[in-house]
Amino acid sequence: MNNEQVAIKTIYLSIAGNTLLAIVKWVTGYFGHSYALIADGIESTSDIFASLLVLFGLQYANRPADENHPYGHGRAEPLITFVVVLFLVGSAVVIAYSSIRNIYTPHQLPSPYTLIVLGAIIAFKETLYRIASRKAKEVNSSSLRADAWHHRSDAITSVAAFIGISVALLLGKNYETADDWAALFASGLILYNSYLIFRPALGEVMDEHLYDPVLQQVREVAQEVEGVLDTEKCLIRKMGLKFYVDLHTIVDAEITVRQGHEIAHKLKDTLKAKIPELADVLIHIEPYIEEVKRAKEQEE
């Protein structure tokens, strides 16, 4: 199973899980008189649409290069991540607004059984987060990482609701709003997590240097190719789930242009074979003698 298939399969799991939880939260919150749980249901509902967006983004980003998009469509992935972050921010704002409104609206104490439902939800959402987070790291997907954080933020909201409802039930009358304050606190955590998701996606769009492990792997594989004496400049950009590499390679200055061309092709083929995540590699040949001369001039 390739990276794209792994990511898409994970998103389908997220959609199914979020749909189930949204229904459970809305029903339990309504009949159990828990506004924190209803707020939690609002977030899960937004998570469904966010996951559908991620699914679309991954499938679009996986489209092959064409005449108008010579580097492929991979930039769609971080752009979809931005939209997912907007969903998170929107959820936080809705939850905060609902919480503040409910704090000033007299209502019943939550039903005790809502705690049982919340406990199961927390365990389920944390499991989904760990699965999605592991897969996001495995395929290096910013949008899948954002979707994983949707699960974590949902779990955080549920933990806050659990604490708030527990306080309301333990202290009784006049503490009905404890779960509303808990939901308000959770909205702040969701906003903070939104920034944590947004920042690396922005770096990806700006071609920020974020891929040291890939760079090190490229240099190590290059050293294995016959005729490559060393590597110099190495620039890496990410497009969707793939990487594009610009690599300056040092070879013997006495070889022919044809030999240098053959080394470059062999190096490119070896890199793409041993590092499947590479979409393309641009090789620039540097003569070894010139490198030595330049180094001596710098020393002087």
C-alpha atoms as a PDB file:
ATOM      1  CA  MET A   1       0.000   0.000   0.000  1.00  0.00           C
ATOM      2  CA  ASN A   2       1.539   3.364  -1.057  1.00  0.00           C
ATOM      3  CA  ASN A   3       1.464   6.629   0.933  1.00  0.00           C
ATOM      4  CA  GLU A   4      -1.585   7.987  -0.874  1.00  0.00           C
ATOM      5  CA  GLN A   5      -3.611   4.846  -0.185  1.00  0.00           C
ATOM      6  CA  VAL A   6      -2.573   4.860   3.490  1.00  0.00           C
ATOM      7  CA  ALA A   7      -3.635   8.504   3.870  1.00  0.00           C
ATOM      8  CA  ILE A   8      -6.976   8.053   2.109  1.00  0.00           C
ATOM      9  CA  LYS A   9      -7.811   4.917   4.121  1.00  0.00           C
ATOM     10  CA  THR A  10      -7.075   6.857   7.328  1.00  0.00           C
ATOM     11  CA  ILE A  11      -9.395   9.683   6.247  1.00  0.00           C
ATOM     12  CA  TYR A  12     -12.253   7.245   5.602  1.00  0.00           C
ATOM     13  CA  LEU A  13     -11.767   5.987   9.172  1.00  0.00           C
ATOM     14  CA  SER A  14     -11.952   9.586  10.430  1.00  0.00           C
ATOM     15  CA  ILE A  15     -15.175  10.294   8.521  1.00  0.00           C
ATOM     16  CA  ALA A  16     -16.864   7.162   9.872  1.00  0.00           C
ATOM     17  CA  GLY A  17     -15.714   7.859  13.436  1.00  0.00           C
ATOM     18  CA  ASN A  18     -16.738  11.530  13.380  1.00  0.00           C
ATOM     19  CA  THR A  19     -20.188  10.721  11.976  1.00  0.00           C
ATOM     20  CA  LEU A  20     -20.858   8.184  14.706  1.00  0.00           C
ATOM     21  CA  LEU A  21     -19.627  10.485  17.476  1.00  0.00           C
ATOM     22  CA  ALA A  22     -21.537  13.525  16.202  1.00  0.00           C
ATOM     23  CA  ILE A  23     -24.801  11.571  16.418  1.00  0.00           C
ATOM     24  CA  VAL A  24     -23.988  10.226  19.912  1.00  0.00           C
ATOM     25  CA  LYS A  25     -22.989  13.667  21.236  1.00  0.00           C
ATOM     26  CA  TRP A  26     -26.000  15.546  19.862  1.00  0.00           C
ATOM     27  CA  VAL A  27     -28.481  12.948  21.163  1.00  0.00           C
ATOM     28  CA  THR A  28     -26.800  12.516  24.567  1.00  0.00           C
ATOM     29  CA  GLY A  29     -26.259  16.254  25.025  1.00  0.00           C
ATOM     30  CA  TYR A  30     -29.877  17.089  24.187  1.00  0.00           C
ATOM     31  CA  PHE A  31     -31.517  14.451  26.374  1.00  0.00           C
ATOM     32  CA  GLY A  32     -28.834  14.658  29.088  1.00  0.00           C
ATOM     33  CA  HIS A  33     -29.092  18.485  29.386  1.00  0.00           C
ATOM     34  CA  SER A  34     -25.358  18.996  28.764  1.00  0.00           C
ATOM     35  CA  TYR A  35     -24.511  22.092  26.741  1.00  0.00           C
ATOM     36  CA  ALA A  36     -20.826  21.160  26.826  1.00  0.00           C
ATOM     37  CA  LEU A  37     -21.682  17.860  25.142  1.00  0.00           C
ATOM     38  CA  ILE A  38     -23.805  19.652  22.535  1.00  0.00           C
ATOM     39  CA  ALA A  39     -20.847  21.987  21.887  1.00  0.00           C
ATOM     40  CA  ASP A  40     -18.735  18.870  21.529  1.00  0.00           C
ATOM     41  CA  GLY A  41     -21.242  17.598  18.968  1.00  0.00           C
ATOM     42  CA  ILE A  42     -20.900  20.837  17.002  1.00  0.00           C
ATOM     43  CA  GLU A  43     -17.163  20.246  16.712  1.00  0.00           C
ATOM     44  CA  SER A  44     -17.612  16.635  15.625  1.00  0.00           C
ATOM     45  CA  THR A  45     -20.062  17.760  12.944  1.00  0.00           C
ATOM     46  CA  SER A  46     -17.508  20.253  11.604  1.00  0.00           C
ATOM     47  CA  ASP A  47     -14.910  17.477  11.746  1.00  0.00           C
ATOM     48  CA  ILE A  48     -16.935  15.452   9.230  1.00  0.00           C
ATOM     49  CA  PHE A  49     -16.792  18.246   6.658  1.00  0.00           C
ATOM     50  CA  ALA A  50     -13.137  18.918   7.447  1.00  0.00           C
ATOM     51  CA  SER A  51     -12.274  15.255   6.862  1.00  0.00           C
ATOM     52  CA  LEU A  52     -14.172  15.307   3.559  1.00  0.00           C
ATOM     53  CA  LEU A  53     -12.092  18.320   2.535  1.00  0.00           C
ATOM     54  CA  VAL A  54      -8.879  16.524   3.476  1.00  0.00           C
ATOM     55  CA  LEU A  55      -9.995  13.521   1.419  1.00  0.00           C
ATOM     56  CA  PHE A  56     -10.634  15.759  -1.598  1.00  0.00           C
ATOM     57  CA  GLY A  57      -7.297  17.524  -1.085  1.00  0.00           C
ATOM     58  CA  LEU A  58      -5.314  14.301  -0.924  1.00  0.00           C
ATOM     59  CA  GLN A  59      -6.978  12.903  -4.034  1.00  0.00           C
ATOM     60  CA  TYR A  60      -6.467  16.151  -5.949  1.00  0.00           C
ATOM     61  CA  ALA A  61      -2.851  16.498  -4.793  1.00  0.00           C
ATOM     62  CA  ASN A  62      -2.184  12.984  -6.070  1.00  0.00           C
ATOM     63  CA  ARG A  63      -3.100  13.918  -9.659  1.00  0.00           C
ATOM     64  CA  PRO A  64      -0.133  13.629 -12.043  1.00  0.00           C
ATOM     65  CA  ALA A  65       1.712  16.624 -13.494  1.00  0.00           C
ATOM     66  CA  ASP A  66       0.278  18.184 -16.637  1.00  0.00           C
ATOM     67  CA  GLU A  67       1.114  21.004 -19.026  1.00  0.00           C
ATOM     68  CA  ASN A  68      -0.238  23.687 -16.696  1.00  0.00           C
ATOM     69  CA  HIS A  69       1.105  22.064 -13.509  1.00  0.00           C
ATOM     70  CA  PRO A  70       4.600  20.703 -14.334  1.00  0.00           C
ATOM     71  CA  TYR A  71       5.304  20.112 -10.641  1.00  0.00           C
ATOM     72  CA  GLY A  72       2.025  18.285 -10.099  1.00  0.00           C
ATOM     73  CA  HIS A  73      -0.873  19.312  -7.863  1.00  0.00           C
ATOM     74  CA  GLY A  74       0.746  18.688  -4.480  1.00  0.00           C
ATOM     75  CA  ARG A  75       0.327  22.273  -3.265  1.00  0.00           C
ATOM     76  CA  ALA A  76      -3.380  21.505  -2.854  1.00  0.00           C
ATOM     77  CA  GLU A  77      -2.569  19.579   0.325  1.00  0.00           C
ATOM     78  CA  PRO A  78      -1.285  22.476   2.490  1.00  0.00           C
ATOM     79  CA  LEU A  79      -4.001  24.728   1.023  1.00  0.00           C
ATOM     80  CA  ILE A  80      -6.628  22.244   2.204  1.00  0.00           C
ATOM     81  CA  THR A  81      -4.863  22.262   5.586  1.00  0.00           C
ATOM     82  CA  PHE A  82      -5.538  26.013   5.799  1.00  0.00           C
ATOM     83  CA  VAL A  83      -9.240  25.357   5.181  1.00  0.00           C
ATOM     84  CA  VAL A  84      -9.255  22.653   7.870  1.00  0.00           C
ATOM     85  CA  VAL A  85      -7.684  25.146  10.281  1.00  0.00           C
ATOM     86  CA  LEU A  86     -10.514  27.566   9.462  1.00  0.00           C
ATOM     87  CA  PHE A  87     -12.972  24.802  10.401  1.00  0.00           C
ATOM     88  CA  LEU A  88     -11.153  24.384  13.719  1.00  0.00           C
ATOM     89  CA  VAL A  89     -11.206  28.118  14.402  1.00  0.00           C
ATOM     90  CA  GLY A  90     -14.873  28.277  13.417  1.00  0.00           C
ATOM     91  CA  SER A  91     -15.671  25.408  15.787  1.00  0.00           C
ATOM     92  CA  ALA A  92     -13.820  27.165  18.614  1.00  0.00           C
ATOM     93  CA  VAL A  93     -15.735  30.408  18.011  1.00  0.00           C
ATOM     94  CA  VAL A  94     -19.124  28.617  17.924  1.00  0.00           C
ATOM     95  CA  ILE A  95     -18.302  26.685  21.106  1.00  0.00           C
ATOM     96  CA  ALA A  96     -17.119  29.860  22.881  1.00  0.00           C
ATOM     97  CA  TYR A  97     -20.249  31.780  21.827  1.00  0.00           C
ATOM     98  CA  SER A  98     -22.585  28.960  22.887  1.00  0.00           C
ATOM     99  CA  SER A  99     -20.776  28.574  26.208  1.00  0.00           C
ATOM    100  CA  ILE A 100     -20.978  32.275  27.074  1.00  0.00           C
ATOM    101  CA  ARG A 101     -24.666  32.369  26.125  1.00  0.00           C
ATOM    102  CA  ASN A 102     -25.442  29.292  28.225  1.00  0.00           C
ATOM    103  CA  ILE A 103     -23.537  30.657  31.224  1.00  0.00           C
ATOM    104  CA  TYR A 104     -26.125  33.434  31.407  1.00  0.00           C
ATOM    105  CA  THR A 105     -29.075  31.128  30.695  1.00  0.00           C
ATOM    106  CA  PRO A 106     -30.489  29.106  33.624  1.00  0.00           C
ATOM    107  CA  HIS A 107     -30.687  25.395  32.809  1.00  0.00           C
ATOM    108  CA  GLN A 108     -30.870  21.968  34.407  1.00  0.00           C
ATOM    109  CA  LEU A 109     -28.014  19.975  35.817  1.00  0.00           C
ATOM    110  CA  PRO A 110     -26.538  17.486  33.321  1.00  0.00           C
ATOM    111  CA  SER A 111     -27.629  13.849  33.687  1.00  0.00           C
ATOM    112  CA  PRO A 112     -25.053  11.540  35.346  1.00  0.00           C
ATOM    113  CA  TYR A 113     -25.047   9.072  32.443  1.00  0.00           C
ATOM    114  CA  THR A 114     -23.462  11.748  30.213  1.00  0.00           C
ATOM    115  CA  LEU A 115     -20.193  11.054  32.049  1.00  0.00           C
ATOM    116  CA  ILE A 116     -20.233   7.432  30.889  1.00  0.00           C
ATOM    117  CA  VAL A 117     -20.799   8.507  27.299  1.00  0.00           C
ATOM    118  CA  LEU A 118     -18.040  11.115  27.545  1.00  0.00           C
ATOM    119  CA  GLY A 119     -15.579   8.579  28.959  1.00  0.00           C
ATOM    120  CA  ALA A 120     -16.162   6.310  25.967  1.00  0.00           C
ATOM    121  CA  ILE A 121     -15.882   9.259  23.566  1.00  0.00           C
ATOM    122  CA  ILE A 122     -12.565  10.397  25.039  1.00  0.00           C
ATOM    123  CA  ALA A 123     -11.055   6.920  24.696  1.00  0.00           C
ATOM    124  CA  PHE A 124     -12.360   6.544  21.132  1.00  0.00           C
ATOM    125  CA  LYS A 125     -11.182   9.980  19.945  1.00  0.00           C
ATOM    126  CA  GLU A 126      -7.739   9.586  21.488  1.00  0.00           C
ATOM    127  CA  THR A 127      -7.417   6.245  19.688  1.00  0.00           C
ATOM    128  CA  LEU A 128      -8.381   7.894  16.385  1.00  0.00           C
ATOM    129  CA  TYR A 129      -5.867  10.679  17.054  1.00  0.00           C
ATOM    130  CA  ARG A 130      -3.027   8.236  17.646  1.00  0.00           C
ATOM    131  CA  ILE A 131      -3.864   6.253  14.506  1.00  0.00           C
ATOM    132  CA  ALA A 132      -4.153   9.358  12.299  1.00  0.00           C
ATOM    133  CA  SER A 133      -1.080  11.002  13.834  1.00  0.00           C
ATOM    134  CA  ARG A 134       1.035   7.890  13.266  1.00  0.00           C
ATOM    135  CA  LYS A 135      -0.140   7.635   9.658  1.00  0.00           C
ATOM    136  CA  ALA A 136       0.451  11.375   9.095  1.00  0.00           C
ATOM    137  CA  LYS A 137       4.027  10.989  10.287  1.00  0.00           C
ATOM    138  CA  GLU A 138       4.452   7.850   8.187  1.00  0.00           C
ATOM    139  CA  VAL A 139       3.380   9.543   4.926  1.00  0.00           C
ATOM    140  CA  ASN A 140       4.494  13.090   5.925  1.00  0.00           C
ATOM    141  CA  SER A 141       1.104  14.675   5.243  1.00  0.00           C
ATOM    142  CA  SER A 142       0.268  18.111   6.668  1.00  0.00           C
ATOM    143  CA  SER A 143      -3.467  17.777   5.930  1.00  0.00           C
ATOM    144  CA  LEU A 144      -3.617  14.342   7.566  1.00  0.00           C
ATOM    145  CA  ARG A 145      -1.767  15.804  10.548  1.00  0.00           C
ATOM    146  CA  ALA A 146      -4.427  18.528  10.713  1.00  0.00           C
ATOM    147  CA  ASP A 147      -7.161  15.901  10.621  1.00  0.00           C
ATOM    148  CA  ALA A 148      -5.408  14.028  13.438  1.00  0.00           C
ATOM    149  CA  TRP A 149      -5.410  17.197  15.535  1.00  0.00           C
ATOM    150  CA  HIS A 150      -9.141  17.460  14.923  1.00  0.00           C
ATOM    151  CA  HIS A 151      -9.443  14.195  16.850  1.00  0.00           C
ATOM    152  CA  ARG A 152      -7.157  15.462  19.621  1.00  0.00           C
ATOM    153  CA  SER A 153      -9.025  18.773  19.943  1.00  0.00           C
ATOM    154  CA  ASP A 154     -12.275  16.806  20.095  1.00  0.00           C
ATOM    155  CA  ALA A 155     -10.822  14.665  22.876  1.00  0.00           C
ATOM    156  CA  ILE A 156      -9.710  17.819  24.721  1.00  0.00           C
ATOM    157  CA  THR A 157     -13.205  19.287  24.445  1.00  0.00           C
ATOM    158  CA  SER A 158     -14.652  16.041  25.774  1.00  0.00           C
ATOM    159  CA  VAL A 159     -12.209  15.997  28.711  1.00  0.00           C
ATOM    160  CA  ALA A 160     -13.209  19.576  29.554  1.00  0.00           C
ATOM    161  CA  ALA A 161     -16.883  18.609  29.353  1.00  0.00           C
ATOM    162  CA  PHE A 162     -16.255  15.577  31.563  1.00  0.00           C
ATOM    163  CA  ILE A 163     -14.611  17.766  34.213  1.00  0.00           C
ATOM    164  CA  GLY A 164     -17.310  20.427  33.988  1.00  0.00           C
ATOM    165  CA  ILE A 165     -20.185  17.957  34.273  1.00  0.00           C
ATOM    166  CA  SER A 166     -18.450  16.204  37.190  1.00  0.00           C
ATOM    167  CA  VAL A 167     -18.122  19.517  39.044  1.00  0.00           C
ATOM    168  CA  ALA A 168     -21.774  20.391  38.333  1.00  0.00           C
ATOM    169  CA  LEU A 169     -23.013  17.000  39.576  1.00  0.00           C
ATOM    170  CA  LEU A 170     -20.782  16.961  42.674  1.00  0.00           C
ATOM    171  CA  LEU A 171     -21.566  20.525  43.806  1.00  0.00           C
ATOM    172  CA  GLY A 172     -25.207  20.517  42.696  1.00  0.00           C
ATOM    173  CA  LYS A 173     -27.499  23.516  42.363  1.00  0.00           C
ATOM    174  CA  ASN A 174     -25.947  26.856  41.342  1.00  0.00           C
ATOM    175  CA  TYR A 175     -23.088  25.005  39.600  1.00  0.00           C
ATOM    176  CA  GLU A 176     -25.050  24.096  36.470  1.00  0.00           C
ATOM    177  CA  THR A 177     -22.778  26.294  34.364  1.00  0.00           C
ATOM    178  CA  ALA A 178     -19.613  24.356  35.227  1.00  0.00           C
ATOM    179  CA  ASP A 179     -19.776  22.381  31.977  1.00  0.00           C
ATOM    180  CA  ASP A 180     -20.266  25.637  30.037  1.00  0.00           C
ATOM    181  CA  TRP A 181     -17.095  27.088  31.558  1.00  0.00           C
ATOM    182  CA  ALA A 182     -15.341  23.850  30.669  1.00  0.00           C
ATOM    183  CA  ALA A 183     -16.458  24.162  27.041  1.00  0.00           C
ATOM    184  CA  LEU A 184     -15.257  27.779  26.975  1.00  0.00           C
ATOM    185  CA  PHE A 185     -11.833  26.698  28.213  1.00  0.00           C
ATOM    186  CA  ALA A 186     -11.718  23.947  25.585  1.00  0.00           C
ATOM    187  CA  SER A 187     -12.379  26.477  22.800  1.00  0.00           C
ATOM    188  CA  GLY A 188      -9.181  28.291  23.791  1.00  0.00           C
ATOM    189  CA  LEU A 189      -7.190  25.060  23.545  1.00  0.00           C
ATOM    190  CA  ILE A 190      -8.657  24.398  20.100  1.00  0.00           C
ATOM    191  CA  LEU A 191      -7.522  27.842  18.911  1.00  0.00           C
ATOM    192  CA  TYR A 192      -3.997  27.146  20.150  1.00  0.00           C
ATOM    193  CA  ASN A 193      -3.928  23.768  18.380  1.00  0.00           C
ATOM    194  CA  SER A 194      -5.120  25.500  15.209  1.00  0.00           C
ATOM    195  CA  TYR A 195      -1.964  27.592  15.208  1.00  0.00           C
ATOM    196  CA  LEU A 196       0.204  24.490  15.718  1.00  0.00           C
ATOM    197  CA  ILE A 197      -1.363  22.949  12.597  1.00  0.00           C
ATOM    198  CA  PHE A 198      -1.255  26.155  10.538  1.00  0.00           C
ATOM    199  CA  ARG A 199       2.441  26.952  11.087  1.00  0.00           C
ATOM    200  CA  PRO A 200       4.073  23.921   9.376  1.00  0.00           C
ATOM    201  CA  ALA A 201       1.582  24.061   6.478  1.00  0.00           C
ATOM    202  CA  LEU A 202       2.553  27.705   5.930  1.00  0.00           C
ATOM    203  CA  GLY A 203       6.222  26.688   5.952  1.00  0.00           C
ATOM    204  CA  GLU A 204       5.469  24.064   3.309  1.00  0.00           C
ATOM    205  CA  VAL A 205       3.810  26.603   1.000  1.00  0.00           C
ATOM    206  CA  MET A 206       6.746  29.004   1.506  1.00  0.00           C
ATOM    207  CA  ASP A 207       9.304  26.240   0.756  1.00  0.00           C
ATOM    208  CA  GLU A 208      10.766  26.601   4.229  1.00  0.00           C
ATOM    209  CA  HIS A 209      13.613  24.205   5.047  1.00  0.00           C
ATOM    210  CA  LEU A 210      11.867  21.581   7.162  1.00  0.00           C
ATOM    211  CA  TYR A 211      13.224  18.275   5.872  1.00  0.00           C
ATOM    212  CA  ASP A 212      16.627  17.542   7.407  1.00  0.00           C
ATOM    213  CA  PRO A 213      16.014  13.749   7.632  1.00  0.00           C
ATOM    214  CA  VAL A 214      15.257  13.592   3.895  1.00  0.00           C
ATOM    215  CA  LEU A 215      18.292  15.758   3.107  1.00  0.00           C
ATOM    216  CA  GLN A 216      20.575  13.484   5.125  1.00  0.00           C
ATOM    217  CA  GLN A 217      19.160  10.405   3.407  1.00  0.00           C
ATOM    218  CA  VAL A 218      19.754  11.963  -0.033  1.00  0.00           C
ATOM    219  CA  ARG A 219      23.397  12.689   0.809  1.00  0.00           C
ATOM    220  CA  GLU A 220      23.988   9.180   2.176  1.00  0.00           C
ATOM    221  CA  VAL A 221      22.488   7.474  -0.893  1.00  0.00           C
ATOM    222  CA  ALA A 222      24.444   9.773  -3.240  1.00  0.00           C
ATOM    223  CA  GLN A 223      27.729   8.660  -1.677  1.00  0.00           C
ATOM    224  CA  GLU A 224      26.937   5.087  -2.704  1.00  0.00           C
ATOM    225  CA  VAL A 225      26.854   5.926  -6.420  1.00  0.00           C
ATOM    226  CA  GLU A 226      30.062   5.246  -8.345  1.00  0.00           C
ATOM    227  CA  GLY A 227      31.641   8.435  -9.668  1.00  0.00           C
ATOM    228  CA  VAL A 228      30.082  10.717  -7.027  1.00  0.00           C
ATOM    229  CA  LEU A 229      32.890  12.162  -4.931  1.00  0.00           C
ATOM    230  CA  ASP A 230      30.742  14.339  -2.700  1.00  0.00           C
ATOM    231  CA  THR A 231      27.576  16.462  -2.592  1.00  0.00           C
ATOM    232  CA  GLU A 232      27.369  20.192  -2.111  1.00  0.00           C
ATOM    233  CA  LYS A 233      24.172  22.241  -2.149  1.00  0.00           C
ATOM    234  CA  CYS A 234      20.943  20.279  -1.600  1.00  0.00           C
ATOM    235  CA  LEU A 235      17.556  22.002  -1.732  1.00  0.00           C
ATOM    236  CA  ILE A 236      14.313  20.165  -0.942  1.00  0.00           C
ATOM    237  CA  ARG A 237      10.716  21.246  -1.440  1.00  0.00           C
ATOM    238  CA  LYS A 238       7.579  19.275  -0.631  1.00  0.00           C
ATOM    239  CA  MET A 239       4.630  18.903  -2.999  1.00  0.00           C
ATOM    240  CA  GLY A 240       1.771  16.951  -1.452  1.00  0.00           C
ATOM    241  CA  LEU A 241       3.244  13.665  -0.223  1.00  0.00           C
ATOM    242  CA  LYS A 242       6.284  13.876  -2.523  1.00  0.00           C
ATOM    243  CA  PHE A 243       9.612  15.748  -2.495  1.00  0.00           C
ATOM    244  CA  TYR A 244      11.490  17.583  -5.252  1.00  0.00           C
ATOM    245  CA  VAL A 245      15.273  17.760  -4.829  1.00  0.00           C
ATOM    246  CA  ASP A 246      17.906  20.061  -6.366  1.00  0.00           C
ATOM    247  CA  LEU A 247      21.311  18.493  -5.742  1.00  0.00           C
ATOM    248  CA  HIS A 248      24.803  19.752  -6.591  1.00  0.00           C
ATOM    249  CA  THR A 249      27.099  16.752  -7.063  1.00  0.00           C
ATOM    250  CA  ILE A 250      30.909  16.827  -7.127  1.00  0.00           C
ATOM    251  CA  VAL A 251      32.665  14.592  -9.665  1.00  0.00           C
ATOM    252  CA  ASP A 252      36.183  14.225 -11.067  1.00  0.00           C
ATOM    253  CA  ALA A 253      36.972  17.277 -13.226  1.00  0.00           C
ATOM    254  CA  GLU A 254      38.905  15.145 -15.737  1.00  0.00           C
ATOM    255  CA  ILE A 255      35.990  13.012 -16.917  1.00  0.00           C
ATOM    256  CA  THR A 256      34.093  13.775 -20.133  1.00  0.00           C
ATOM    257  CA  VAL A 257      30.764  15.558 -20.366  1.00  0.00           C
ATOM    258  CA  ARG A 258      29.177  12.246 -21.425  1.00  0.00           C
ATOM    259  CA  GLN A 259      30.560  10.498 -18.309  1.00  0.00           C
ATOM    260  CA  GLY A 260      29.298  13.290 -16.070  1.00  0.00           C
ATOM    261  CA  HIS A 261      25.889  13.019 -17.740  1.00  0.00           C
ATOM    262  CA  GLU A 262      25.809   9.268 -17.105  1.00  0.00           C
ATOM    263  CA  ILE A 263      26.754   9.720 -13.439  1.00  0.00           C
ATOM    264  CA  ALA A 264      23.947  12.279 -13.025  1.00  0.00           C
ATOM    265  CA  HIS A 265      21.398   9.889 -14.536  1.00  0.00           C
ATOM    266  CA  LYS A 266      22.626   6.987 -12.429  1.00  0.00           C
ATOM    267  CA  LEU A 267      22.481   9.140  -9.294  1.00  0.00           C
ATOM    268  CA  LYS A 268      18.935  10.300 -10.061  1.00  0.00           C
ATOM    269  CA  ASP A 269      17.712   6.750 -10.736  1.00  0.00           C
ATOM    270  CA  THR A 270      19.367   5.446  -7.552  1.00  0.00           C
ATOM    271  CA  LEU A 271      17.872   8.206  -5.383  1.00  0.00           C
ATOM    272  CA  LYS A 272      14.342   7.657  -6.738  1.00  0.00           C
ATOM    273  CA  ALA A 273      14.676   3.889  -6.329  1.00  0.00           C
ATOM    274  CA  LYS A 274      15.929   4.009  -2.724  1.00  0.00           C
ATOM    275  CA  ILE A 275      13.783   6.964  -1.601  1.00  0.00           C
ATOM    276  CA  PRO A 276      10.276   6.378  -3.062  1.00  0.00           C
ATOM    277  CA  GLU A 277       9.027   9.688  -1.641  1.00  0.00           C
ATOM    278  CA  LEU A 278      11.105  11.602  -4.219  1.00  0.00           C
ATOM    279  CA  ALA A 279       9.027  12.786  -7.185  1.00  0.00           C
ATOM    280  CA  ASP A 280      11.992  14.200  -9.096  1.00  0.00           C
ATOM    281  CA  VAL A 281      15.684  15.035  -8.668  1.00  0.00           C
ATOM    282  CA  LEU A 282      17.552  17.759 -10.541  1.00  0.00           C
ATOM    283  CA  ILE A 283      21.302  17.075 -10.602  1.00  0.00           C
ATOM    284  CA  HIS A 284      23.899  19.805 -11.128  1.00  0.00           C
ATOM    285  CA  ILE A 285      27.457  18.563 -11.740  1.00  0.00           C
ATOM    286  CA  GLU A 286      30.361  20.359 -10.025  1.00  0.00           C
ATOM    287  CA  PRO A 287      34.021  19.586 -10.988  1.00  0.00           C
ATOM    288  CA  TYR A 288      36.192  18.483  -8.076  1.00  0.00           C
ATOM    289  CA  ILE A 289      39.232  20.638  -9.014  1.00  0.00           C
ATOM    290  CA  GLU A 290      37.190  23.828  -8.975  1.00  0.00           C
ATOM    291  CA  GLU A 291      35.908  22.954  -5.525  1.00  0.00           C
ATOM    292  CA  VAL A 292      39.439  22.528  -4.176  1.00  0.00           C
ATOM    293  CA  LYS A 293      40.571  25.772  -5.781  1.00  0.00           C
ATOM    294  CA  ARG A 294      37.619  27.675  -4.338  1.00  0.00           C
ATOM    295  CA  ALA A 295      38.248  26.256  -0.884  1.00  0.00           C
ATOM    296  CA  LYS A 296      41.905  27.350  -0.990  1.00  0.00           C
ATOM    297  CA  GLU A 297      40.930  30.858  -2.114  1.00  0.00           C
ATOM    298  CA  GLN A 298      38.500  31.107   0.811  1.00  0.00           C
ATOM    299  CA  GLU A 299      41.224  30.002   3.229  1.00  0.00           C
ATOM    300  CA  GLU A 300      43.584  32.683   1.887  1.00  0.00           C
END
